[in-house]
Each structure stands twice: as structure tokens, then as C-alpha cells.
Amino acid sequence: MSRSFLLYADGGSRGNPGEAAFGAVISESGKVIVELSERIGIATNNVAEYSALIAGLRAINKLDPQARVLVRMDSKLIVEQMSGKWKIKNPEMRKMALQAREAHAPERVEYEWIPREMNSDADSLVNLALDS
């Protein structure tokens, strides 16, 4: 039986573009098992959001390539694009969406938009990376 993970992912930039970072929190059965955060240099907010998603999915794939994943993000753009509901017009975003699909089997990943206040742990990791 495959494992199930919950991925909270967030990205941010101070300026758009500006100094950017991402944060991701991976949990299993209600217990946090991995926290990721990284400064990514000068980038847009959307690049930072996609970077969080890609890093989180890659980490989950290393834990269990067959895992089911529920991704929760406060970026409506990323959630709708990755769910196939919105077109991805920007070439850089298309590349990053492809990287996300290659990071973990898309049929094993579900996306859910959440309000920003429900993504505070991943957001805190973004700010921690930006402040360090």
C-alpha cells in the first residue's frame, strides 16, 4: 500500500521580481516529516511558488515514488494551472509546471487552494530563508 503525504508549499519575493525564497512542509499521518526552505536569488513570486512545489514533490518522490500527495497552496494561479483548469501562457511557468509533473507522477497528485492564513508554516519557512 502506498503512503499518503500532505504538502504545504509557499514561495515569496520581496519585490516582484526581488529576493525570493520558498518553503515546504511535508507531513504524513498528521506528523511533519520534512521541512524545506531555500533562497533562490532574484525571482518573481510565481517562480518562488513553483520552486516550492517542485522541491516538495521531489522530496516526496525520494521517500516513496508511489505515494499519493495532496498539495495545499495559497497560490490560486499554481493550483489552477497544475490542476489543468487554467492555461499556462508564460514560457518559464510552462517549464516549471513540466518540472513539477516530472518530480512526481501527476496522477498521484491532487491540488487544493487554501487561504494564506492556512499556509502559515510554509510561509514562515519562506521568511526564515529570506531573513537569513
N, C-alpha and C. Protein backbone atom coordinates (compact mmCIF):
# COMPACT_ATOMS: atom_id res chain seq x y z
N MET A 1 0.84 -1.18 0.00
CA MET A 1 0.00 0.00 0.00
C MET A 1 0.89 1.25 0.00
N SER A 2 0.57 2.19 -0.87
CA SER A 2 1.39 3.39 -0.97
C SER A 2 1.08 4.36 0.17
N ARG A 3 2.05 5.17 0.45
CA ARG A 3 1.92 6.16 1.51
C ARG A 3 1.17 7.39 0.99
N SER A 4 0.67 8.19 1.92
CA SER A 4 -0.02 9.44 1.57
C SER A 4 0.66 10.59 2.30
N PHE A 5 0.96 11.63 1.55
CA PHE A 5 1.61 12.80 2.11
C PHE A 5 0.78 14.05 1.87
N LEU A 6 0.94 14.98 2.77
CA LEU A 6 0.33 16.30 2.64
C LEU A 6 1.49 17.28 2.45
N LEU A 7 1.43 18.07 1.40
CA LEU A 7 2.48 19.04 1.10
C LEU A 7 1.90 20.45 1.14
N TYR A 8 2.39 21.25 2.07
CA TYR A 8 2.10 22.69 2.09
C TYR A 8 3.30 23.37 1.45
N ALA A 9 3.07 24.16 0.41
CA ALA A 9 4.17 24.81 -0.29
C ALA A 9 3.86 26.30 -0.45
N ASP A 10 4.90 27.11 -0.33
CA ASP A 10 4.72 28.55 -0.47
C ASP A 10 6.01 29.16 -1.00
N GLY A 11 5.89 30.23 -1.70
CA GLY A 11 7.03 30.98 -2.19
C GLY A 11 6.74 32.45 -2.08
N GLY A 12 7.79 33.23 -2.01
CA GLY A 12 7.59 34.67 -1.92
C GLY A 12 8.81 35.42 -2.40
N SER A 13 8.57 36.67 -2.77
CA SER A 13 9.67 37.54 -3.17
C SER A 13 9.44 38.91 -2.56
N ARG A 14 10.51 39.55 -2.22
CA ARG A 14 10.45 40.91 -1.69
C ARG A 14 10.77 41.84 -2.85
N GLY A 15 9.71 42.29 -3.48
CA GLY A 15 9.78 42.94 -4.78
C GLY A 15 9.33 41.88 -5.77
N ASN A 16 8.88 42.27 -6.94
CA ASN A 16 8.40 41.26 -7.88
C ASN A 16 8.82 41.64 -9.30
N PRO A 17 10.02 41.24 -9.74
CA PRO A 17 10.92 40.31 -9.06
C PRO A 17 11.71 40.99 -7.94
N GLY A 18 12.24 40.13 -7.08
CA GLY A 18 13.07 40.57 -5.97
C GLY A 18 13.71 39.35 -5.32
N GLU A 19 14.36 39.59 -4.17
CA GLU A 19 14.93 38.45 -3.43
C GLU A 19 13.80 37.47 -3.15
N ALA A 20 14.01 36.22 -3.48
CA ALA A 20 12.94 35.23 -3.39
C ALA A 20 13.39 33.97 -2.65
N ALA A 21 12.40 33.28 -2.11
CA ALA A 21 12.67 32.03 -1.39
C ALA A 21 11.40 31.18 -1.42
N PHE A 22 11.59 29.91 -1.05
CA PHE A 22 10.43 29.03 -0.92
C PHE A 22 10.48 28.29 0.40
N GLY A 23 9.33 27.77 0.78
CA GLY A 23 9.21 26.92 1.95
C GLY A 23 8.23 25.80 1.65
N ALA A 24 8.49 24.63 2.19
CA ALA A 24 7.59 23.49 2.00
C ALA A 24 7.59 22.64 3.26
N VAL A 25 6.41 22.18 3.63
CA VAL A 25 6.24 21.33 4.80
C VAL A 25 5.54 20.06 4.34
N ILE A 26 6.18 18.92 4.62
CA ILE A 26 5.63 17.62 4.23
C ILE A 26 5.26 16.87 5.49
N SER A 27 4.01 16.40 5.51
CA SER A 27 3.58 15.62 6.66
C SER A 27 2.95 14.31 6.20
N GLU A 28 2.95 13.37 7.13
CA GLU A 28 2.36 12.05 6.90
C GLU A 28 1.62 11.68 8.18
N SER A 29 0.37 11.31 8.04
CA SER A 29 -0.46 10.94 9.18
C SER A 29 -0.44 12.01 10.28
N GLY A 30 -0.47 13.27 9.87
CA GLY A 30 -0.53 14.37 10.82
C GLY A 30 0.79 14.76 11.46
N LYS A 31 1.88 14.11 11.07
CA LYS A 31 3.19 14.39 11.66
C LYS A 31 4.12 14.99 10.60
N VAL A 32 4.72 16.14 10.91
CA VAL A 32 5.67 16.76 9.99
C VAL A 32 6.92 15.88 9.90
N ILE A 33 7.29 15.53 8.67
CA ILE A 33 8.48 14.68 8.50
C ILE A 33 9.61 15.39 7.75
N VAL A 34 9.27 16.42 6.97
CA VAL A 34 10.29 17.17 6.23
C VAL A 34 9.88 18.63 6.16
N GLU A 35 10.85 19.51 6.41
CA GLU A 35 10.67 20.94 6.17
C GLU A 35 11.80 21.38 5.24
N LEU A 36 11.44 22.12 4.21
CA LEU A 36 12.41 22.60 3.23
C LEU A 36 12.28 24.11 3.10
N SER A 37 13.40 24.79 2.98
CA SER A 37 13.36 26.21 2.64
C SER A 37 14.68 26.57 1.98
N GLU A 38 14.60 27.51 1.06
CA GLU A 38 15.81 27.90 0.34
C GLU A 38 15.61 29.26 -0.31
N ARG A 39 16.65 30.05 -0.25
CA ARG A 39 16.70 31.30 -1.00
C ARG A 39 17.03 30.96 -2.44
N ILE A 40 16.36 31.59 -3.39
CA ILE A 40 16.59 31.25 -4.80
C ILE A 40 17.11 32.44 -5.61
N GLY A 41 17.48 33.53 -4.93
CA GLY A 41 18.02 34.69 -5.64
C GLY A 41 16.91 35.62 -6.10
N ILE A 42 17.15 36.35 -7.16
CA ILE A 42 16.16 37.28 -7.70
C ILE A 42 15.18 36.50 -8.58
N ALA A 43 13.91 36.57 -8.22
CA ALA A 43 12.87 35.85 -8.97
C ALA A 43 11.52 36.48 -8.68
N THR A 44 10.54 36.09 -9.46
CA THR A 44 9.17 36.55 -9.20
C THR A 44 8.52 35.67 -8.14
N ASN A 45 7.42 36.14 -7.62
CA ASN A 45 6.65 35.38 -6.65
C ASN A 45 6.20 34.04 -7.24
N ASN A 46 5.77 34.05 -8.50
CA ASN A 46 5.29 32.81 -9.12
C ASN A 46 6.41 31.79 -9.30
N VAL A 47 7.61 32.25 -9.64
CA VAL A 47 8.76 31.33 -9.74
C VAL A 47 9.04 30.72 -8.36
N ALA A 48 8.97 31.54 -7.32
CA ALA A 48 9.20 31.03 -5.96
C ALA A 48 8.14 30.01 -5.57
N GLU A 49 6.88 30.27 -5.93
CA GLU A 49 5.80 29.32 -5.63
C GLU A 49 6.04 27.98 -6.34
N TYR A 50 6.36 28.05 -7.63
CA TYR A 50 6.64 26.81 -8.37
C TYR A 50 7.87 26.10 -7.79
N SER A 51 8.88 26.85 -7.38
CA SER A 51 10.08 26.24 -6.80
C SER A 51 9.74 25.45 -5.54
N ALA A 52 8.83 25.98 -4.73
CA ALA A 52 8.39 25.28 -3.52
C ALA A 52 7.70 23.98 -3.88
N LEU A 53 6.81 24.04 -4.85
CA LEU A 53 6.08 22.85 -5.29
C LEU A 53 7.05 21.78 -5.81
N ILE A 54 7.97 22.17 -6.67
CA ILE A 54 8.93 21.22 -7.26
C ILE A 54 9.80 20.59 -6.17
N ALA A 55 10.32 21.40 -5.26
CA ALA A 55 11.18 20.87 -4.19
C ALA A 55 10.40 19.89 -3.31
N GLY A 56 9.17 20.24 -2.98
CA GLY A 56 8.35 19.36 -2.15
C GLY A 56 8.03 18.04 -2.83
N LEU A 57 7.64 18.11 -4.10
CA LEU A 57 7.32 16.88 -4.84
C LEU A 57 8.55 16.00 -5.03
N ARG A 58 9.71 16.61 -5.27
CA ARG A 58 10.93 15.81 -5.41
C ARG A 58 11.27 15.10 -4.10
N ALA A 59 11.10 15.80 -2.98
CA ALA A 59 11.39 15.20 -1.67
C ALA A 59 10.45 14.03 -1.41
N ILE A 60 9.18 14.20 -1.75
CA ILE A 60 8.21 13.13 -1.55
C ILE A 60 8.55 11.95 -2.46
N ASN A 61 8.91 12.22 -3.70
CA ASN A 61 9.26 11.14 -4.63
C ASN A 61 10.43 10.32 -4.12
N LYS A 62 11.38 10.97 -3.46
CA LYS A 62 12.51 10.23 -2.88
C LYS A 62 12.05 9.33 -1.73
N LEU A 63 11.05 9.78 -0.98
CA LEU A 63 10.53 8.99 0.13
C LEU A 63 9.74 7.78 -0.37
N ASP A 64 8.91 8.01 -1.39
CA ASP A 64 8.08 6.94 -1.93
C ASP A 64 7.54 7.37 -3.30
N PRO A 65 8.11 6.84 -4.38
CA PRO A 65 7.67 7.22 -5.72
C PRO A 65 6.20 6.86 -6.02
N GLN A 66 5.63 5.97 -5.23
CA GLN A 66 4.24 5.55 -5.43
C GLN A 66 3.25 6.31 -4.54
N ALA A 67 3.75 7.24 -3.75
CA ALA A 67 2.91 7.94 -2.77
C ALA A 67 1.82 8.77 -3.43
N ARG A 68 0.71 8.89 -2.72
CA ARG A 68 -0.35 9.82 -3.08
C ARG A 68 -0.01 11.12 -2.37
N VAL A 69 -0.28 12.24 -3.03
CA VAL A 69 0.08 13.54 -2.47
C VAL A 69 -1.09 14.51 -2.60
N LEU A 70 -1.39 15.18 -1.50
CA LEU A 70 -2.33 16.30 -1.53
C LEU A 70 -1.49 17.55 -1.33
N VAL A 71 -1.47 18.41 -2.36
CA VAL A 71 -0.73 19.66 -2.30
C VAL A 71 -1.70 20.76 -1.92
N ARG A 72 -1.35 21.51 -0.90
CA ARG A 72 -2.14 22.67 -0.50
C ARG A 72 -1.28 23.92 -0.64
N MET A 73 -1.78 24.87 -1.43
CA MET A 73 -1.05 26.11 -1.67
C MET A 73 -2.02 27.28 -1.65
N ASP A 74 -1.50 28.45 -1.29
CA ASP A 74 -2.33 29.65 -1.32
C ASP A 74 -2.19 30.42 -2.64
N SER A 75 -1.48 29.84 -3.59
CA SER A 75 -1.36 30.43 -4.93
C SER A 75 -2.45 29.83 -5.82
N LYS A 76 -3.50 30.62 -6.04
CA LYS A 76 -4.59 30.17 -6.92
C LYS A 76 -4.05 29.87 -8.32
N LEU A 77 -3.11 30.69 -8.79
CA LEU A 77 -2.54 30.51 -10.11
C LEU A 77 -1.90 29.13 -10.25
N ILE A 78 -1.03 28.77 -9.32
CA ILE A 78 -0.32 27.49 -9.42
C ILE A 78 -1.31 26.32 -9.30
N VAL A 79 -2.21 26.41 -8.34
CA VAL A 79 -3.18 25.32 -8.13
C VAL A 79 -4.03 25.11 -9.39
N GLU A 80 -4.53 26.19 -9.97
CA GLU A 80 -5.39 26.05 -11.16
C GLU A 80 -4.59 25.60 -12.38
N GLN A 81 -3.36 26.10 -12.53
CA GLN A 81 -2.53 25.64 -13.65
C GLN A 81 -2.19 24.17 -13.52
N MET A 82 -1.76 23.75 -12.34
CA MET A 82 -1.36 22.35 -12.15
C MET A 82 -2.56 21.40 -12.18
N SER A 83 -3.73 21.90 -11.87
CA SER A 83 -4.95 21.09 -11.94
C SER A 83 -5.48 21.00 -13.37
N GLY A 84 -4.87 21.78 -14.29
CA GLY A 84 -5.29 21.75 -15.68
C GLY A 84 -6.49 22.64 -15.99
N LYS A 85 -6.90 23.46 -15.04
CA LYS A 85 -8.07 24.32 -15.24
C LYS A 85 -7.72 25.63 -15.94
N TRP A 86 -6.48 26.10 -15.75
CA TRP A 86 -6.03 27.33 -16.39
C TRP A 86 -4.86 27.02 -17.30
N LYS A 87 -4.81 27.71 -18.43
CA LYS A 87 -3.69 27.56 -19.35
C LYS A 87 -2.45 28.23 -18.75
N ILE A 88 -1.31 27.71 -19.16
CA ILE A 88 -0.03 28.28 -18.73
C ILE A 88 0.56 28.99 -19.94
N LYS A 89 0.42 30.31 -19.96
CA LYS A 89 0.86 31.09 -21.13
C LYS A 89 2.34 31.45 -21.07
N ASN A 90 2.85 31.70 -19.88
CA ASN A 90 4.24 32.14 -19.72
C ASN A 90 5.19 30.96 -19.95
N PRO A 91 6.17 31.11 -20.87
CA PRO A 91 7.09 30.00 -21.17
C PRO A 91 7.88 29.50 -19.95
N GLU A 92 8.31 30.41 -19.08
CA GLU A 92 9.05 29.99 -17.89
C GLU A 92 8.15 29.18 -16.95
N MET A 93 6.90 29.61 -16.81
CA MET A 93 5.95 28.88 -15.97
C MET A 93 5.65 27.49 -16.56
N ARG A 94 5.57 27.42 -17.90
CA ARG A 94 5.34 26.12 -18.55
C ARG A 94 6.48 25.16 -18.23
N LYS A 95 7.72 25.67 -18.27
CA LYS A 95 8.88 24.81 -17.94
C LYS A 95 8.80 24.34 -16.50
N MET A 96 8.44 25.25 -15.61
CA MET A 96 8.38 24.87 -14.19
C MET A 96 7.23 23.89 -13.92
N ALA A 97 6.11 24.07 -14.60
CA ALA A 97 4.99 23.12 -14.45
C ALA A 97 5.41 21.74 -14.93
N LEU A 98 6.17 21.69 -16.01
CA LEU A 98 6.68 20.40 -16.50
C LEU A 98 7.62 19.77 -15.48
N GLN A 99 8.49 20.58 -14.87
CA GLN A 99 9.38 20.06 -13.83
C GLN A 99 8.57 19.50 -12.66
N ALA A 100 7.49 20.16 -12.30
CA ALA A 100 6.64 19.66 -11.21
C ALA A 100 6.00 18.32 -11.60
N ARG A 101 5.55 18.22 -12.84
CA ARG A 101 4.93 16.97 -13.30
C ARG A 101 5.96 15.84 -13.36
N GLU A 102 7.20 16.18 -13.66
CA GLU A 102 8.26 15.17 -13.71
C GLU A 102 8.77 14.80 -12.32
N ALA A 103 8.54 15.66 -11.34
CA ALA A 103 9.04 15.42 -9.98
C ALA A 103 8.30 14.28 -9.29
N HIS A 104 7.01 14.12 -9.60
CA HIS A 104 6.21 13.04 -9.00
C HIS A 104 5.05 12.78 -9.96
N ALA A 105 4.69 11.53 -10.10
CA ALA A 105 3.65 11.14 -11.06
C ALA A 105 2.39 12.00 -10.90
N PRO A 106 2.02 12.77 -11.93
CA PRO A 106 0.89 13.69 -11.83
C PRO A 106 -0.43 13.03 -11.43
N GLU A 107 -0.62 11.79 -11.83
CA GLU A 107 -1.87 11.10 -11.49
C GLU A 107 -1.95 10.76 -10.00
N ARG A 108 -0.85 10.91 -9.28
CA ARG A 108 -0.81 10.62 -7.84
C ARG A 108 -0.85 11.90 -7.01
N VAL A 109 -1.03 13.05 -7.69
CA VAL A 109 -1.01 14.34 -7.01
C VAL A 109 -2.33 15.07 -7.21
N GLU A 110 -2.86 15.58 -6.12
CA GLU A 110 -4.09 16.36 -6.13
C GLU A 110 -3.76 17.74 -5.57
N TYR A 111 -4.43 18.76 -6.10
CA TYR A 111 -4.15 20.15 -5.70
C TYR A 111 -5.36 20.78 -5.06
N GLU A 112 -5.09 21.56 -4.02
CA GLU A 112 -6.17 22.25 -3.31
C GLU A 112 -5.70 23.66 -2.93
N TRP A 113 -6.51 24.65 -3.32
CA TRP A 113 -6.20 26.02 -2.92
C TRP A 113 -6.65 26.22 -1.47
N ILE A 114 -5.82 26.92 -0.70
CA ILE A 114 -6.17 27.27 0.68
C ILE A 114 -5.91 28.76 0.90
N PRO A 115 -6.62 29.37 1.84
CA PRO A 115 -6.33 30.77 2.16
C PRO A 115 -4.94 30.90 2.78
N ARG A 116 -4.33 32.06 2.60
CA ARG A 116 -2.96 32.31 3.07
C ARG A 116 -2.78 31.95 4.55
N GLU A 117 -3.76 32.27 5.38
CA GLU A 117 -3.62 32.00 6.82
C GLU A 117 -3.55 30.52 7.16
N MET A 118 -3.97 29.66 6.24
CA MET A 118 -3.86 28.21 6.46
C MET A 118 -2.51 27.67 5.99
N ASN A 119 -1.66 28.54 5.44
CA ASN A 119 -0.36 28.12 4.92
C ASN A 119 0.77 28.78 5.71
N SER A 120 0.53 29.06 6.96
CA SER A 120 1.48 29.85 7.77
C SER A 120 2.80 29.13 8.03
N ASP A 121 2.80 27.81 8.14
CA ASP A 121 4.06 27.10 8.41
C ASP A 121 5.02 27.21 7.21
N ALA A 122 4.50 26.99 6.00
CA ALA A 122 5.34 27.12 4.82
C ALA A 122 5.76 28.58 4.62
N ASP A 123 4.85 29.51 4.88
CA ASP A 123 5.15 30.94 4.76
C ASP A 123 6.25 31.35 5.74
N SER A 124 6.22 30.80 6.94
CA SER A 124 7.27 31.10 7.93
C SER A 124 8.63 30.64 7.43
N LEU A 125 8.67 29.50 6.76
CA LEU A 125 9.94 29.00 6.20
C LEU A 125 10.46 29.92 5.09
N VAL A 126 9.54 30.48 4.30
CA VAL A 126 9.94 31.44 3.27
C VAL A 126 10.63 32.63 3.92
N ASN A 127 9.98 33.19 4.94
CA ASN A 127 10.52 34.37 5.60
C ASN A 127 11.83 34.06 6.34
N LEU A 128 11.92 32.88 6.91
CA LEU A 128 13.16 32.47 7.56
C LEU A 128 14.32 32.44 6.56
N ALA A 129 14.06 31.88 5.38
CA ALA A 129 15.10 31.83 4.34
C ALA A 129 15.46 33.24 3.87
N LEU A 130 14.47 34.10 3.71
CA LEU A 130 14.74 35.46 3.24
C LEU A 130 15.47 36.30 4.28
N ASP A 131 15.23 36.03 5.55
CA ASP A 131 15.86 36.81 6.63
C ASP A 131 17.25 36.31 6.99
N SER A 132 17.61 35.12 6.53
CA SER A 132 18.92 34.56 6.93
C SER A 132 20.03 35.05 6.03
